Amino acid sequence: MATTNPLQFIQQVRAEVAKVVWPTRREVMLTTVMVFILAALTAIFFALVDIAIRSGLTAVLNIFS
């Protein structure tokens, strides 16, 4: 394993960071909106599943009580 001194390491890190293609402001905003929409849809889905299971269990328990 080759060792590098701290100065070489910092230079290599800067070279690698320069290669990164950063997203545009529009891409960040679009992705953020998509995440919020999908999170809301997931929350609604699980809320409906919860209501359905609770209603079903309540109905079954009312039959046997």
C-alpha atoms as a PDB file:
ATOM      1  CA  MET A   1       0.000   0.000   0.000  1.00  0.00           C
ATOM      2  CA  ALA A   2       1.506   3.294  -1.085  1.00  0.00           C
ATOM      3  CA  THR A   3       1.507   6.090   1.418  1.00  0.00           C
ATOM      4  CA  THR A   4       1.049   9.728   0.506  1.00  0.00           C
ATOM      5  CA  ASN A   5       1.915  12.720   2.547  1.00  0.00           C
ATOM      6  CA  PRO A   6      -0.852  15.087   3.663  1.00  0.00           C
ATOM      7  CA  LEU A   7      -0.093  17.632   0.925  1.00  0.00           C
ATOM      8  CA  GLN A   8      -0.384  15.005  -1.835  1.00  0.00           C
ATOM      9  CA  PHE A   9      -3.591  13.740  -0.260  1.00  0.00           C
ATOM     10  CA  ILE A  10      -5.143  17.215  -0.271  1.00  0.00           C
ATOM     11  CA  GLN A  11      -4.089  17.726  -3.894  1.00  0.00           C
ATOM     12  CA  GLN A  12      -5.647  14.393  -4.883  1.00  0.00           C
ATOM     13  CA  VAL A  13      -8.855  15.231  -3.041  1.00  0.00           C
ATOM     14  CA  ARG A  14      -9.076  18.602  -4.799  1.00  0.00           C
ATOM     15  CA  ALA A  15      -8.501  16.914  -8.172  1.00  0.00           C
ATOM     16  CA  GLU A  16     -11.287  14.392  -7.496  1.00  0.00           C
ATOM     17  CA  VAL A  17     -13.722  17.053  -6.241  1.00  0.00           C
ATOM     18  CA  ALA A  18     -13.067  19.049  -9.431  1.00  0.00           C
ATOM     19  CA  LYS A  19     -14.348  16.042 -11.432  1.00  0.00           C
ATOM     20  CA  VAL A  20     -17.704  16.022  -9.630  1.00  0.00           C
ATOM     21  CA  VAL A  21     -20.644  17.159 -11.749  1.00  0.00           C
ATOM     22  CA  TRP A  22     -22.850  19.089  -9.357  1.00  0.00           C
ATOM     23  CA  PRO A  23     -26.609  19.242 -10.002  1.00  0.00           C
ATOM     24  CA  THR A  24     -28.153  22.475 -11.157  1.00  0.00           C
ATOM     25  CA  ARG A  25     -30.495  24.463  -8.940  1.00  0.00           C
ATOM     26  CA  ARG A  26     -33.432  23.336 -11.111  1.00  0.00           C
ATOM     27  CA  GLU A  27     -32.470  19.661 -10.746  1.00  0.00           C
ATOM     28  CA  VAL A  28     -32.202  20.018  -6.965  1.00  0.00           C
ATOM     29  CA  MET A  29     -35.598  21.727  -6.738  1.00  0.00           C
ATOM     30  CA  LEU A  30     -37.255  19.159  -9.013  1.00  0.00           C
ATOM     31  CA  THR A  31     -35.803  16.249  -7.063  1.00  0.00           C
ATOM     32  CA  THR A  32     -36.833  17.837  -3.755  1.00  0.00           C
ATOM     33  CA  VAL A  33     -40.412  18.310  -4.954  1.00  0.00           C
ATOM     34  CA  MET A  34     -40.504  14.708  -6.192  1.00  0.00           C
ATOM     35  CA  VAL A  35     -39.316  13.444  -2.798  1.00  0.00           C
ATOM     36  CA  PHE A  36     -42.015  15.431  -0.981  1.00  0.00           C
ATOM     37  CA  ILE A  37     -44.720  14.196  -3.361  1.00  0.00           C
ATOM     38  CA  LEU A  38     -43.650  10.565  -3.019  1.00  0.00           C
ATOM     39  CA  ALA A  39     -43.421  10.919   0.771  1.00  0.00           C
ATOM     40  CA  ALA A  40     -46.968  12.342   0.855  1.00  0.00           C
ATOM     41  CA  LEU A  41     -48.294   9.560  -1.393  1.00  0.00           C
ATOM     42  CA  THR A  42     -46.605   6.935   0.775  1.00  0.00           C
ATOM     43  CA  ALA A  43     -48.071   8.484   3.933  1.00  0.00           C
ATOM     44  CA  ILE A  44     -51.564   8.503   2.388  1.00  0.00           C
ATOM     45  CA  PHE A  45     -51.185   4.883   1.262  1.00  0.00           C
ATOM     46  CA  PHE A  46     -50.139   3.658   4.704  1.00  0.00           C
ATOM     47  CA  ALA A  47     -52.863   5.722   6.381  1.00  0.00           C
ATOM     48  CA  LEU A  48     -55.467   4.061   4.137  1.00  0.00           C
ATOM     49  CA  VAL A  49     -54.002   0.607   4.826  1.00  0.00           C
ATOM     50  CA  ASP A  50     -54.077   1.372   8.563  1.00  0.00           C
ATOM     51  CA  ILE A  51     -57.712   2.482   8.381  1.00  0.00           C
ATOM     52  CA  ALA A  52     -58.671  -0.620   6.384  1.00  0.00           C
ATOM     53  CA  ILE A  53     -56.942  -2.995   8.811  1.00  0.00           C
ATOM     54  CA  ARG A  54     -58.410  -1.206  11.842  1.00  0.00           C
ATOM     55  CA  SER A  55     -61.911  -1.287  10.331  1.00  0.00           C
ATOM     56  CA  GLY A  56     -61.557  -4.946   9.437  1.00  0.00           C
ATOM     57  CA  LEU A  57     -60.350  -5.925  12.889  1.00  0.00           C
ATOM     58  CA  THR A  58     -63.066  -3.860  14.543  1.00  0.00           C
ATOM     59  CA  ALA A  59     -65.698  -5.558  12.391  1.00  0.00           C
ATOM     60  CA  VAL A  60     -64.324  -9.021  13.185  1.00  0.00           C
ATOM     61  CA  LEU A  61     -64.083  -8.292  16.904  1.00  0.00           C
ATOM     62  CA  ASN A  62     -67.648  -6.897  16.947  1.00  0.00           C
ATOM     63  CA  ILE A  63     -68.935 -10.103  15.346  1.00  0.00           C
ATOM     64  CA  PHE A  64     -67.380 -12.286  18.025  1.00  0.00           C
ATOM     65  CA  SER A  65     -68.254 -10.114  21.011  1.00  0.00           C
END
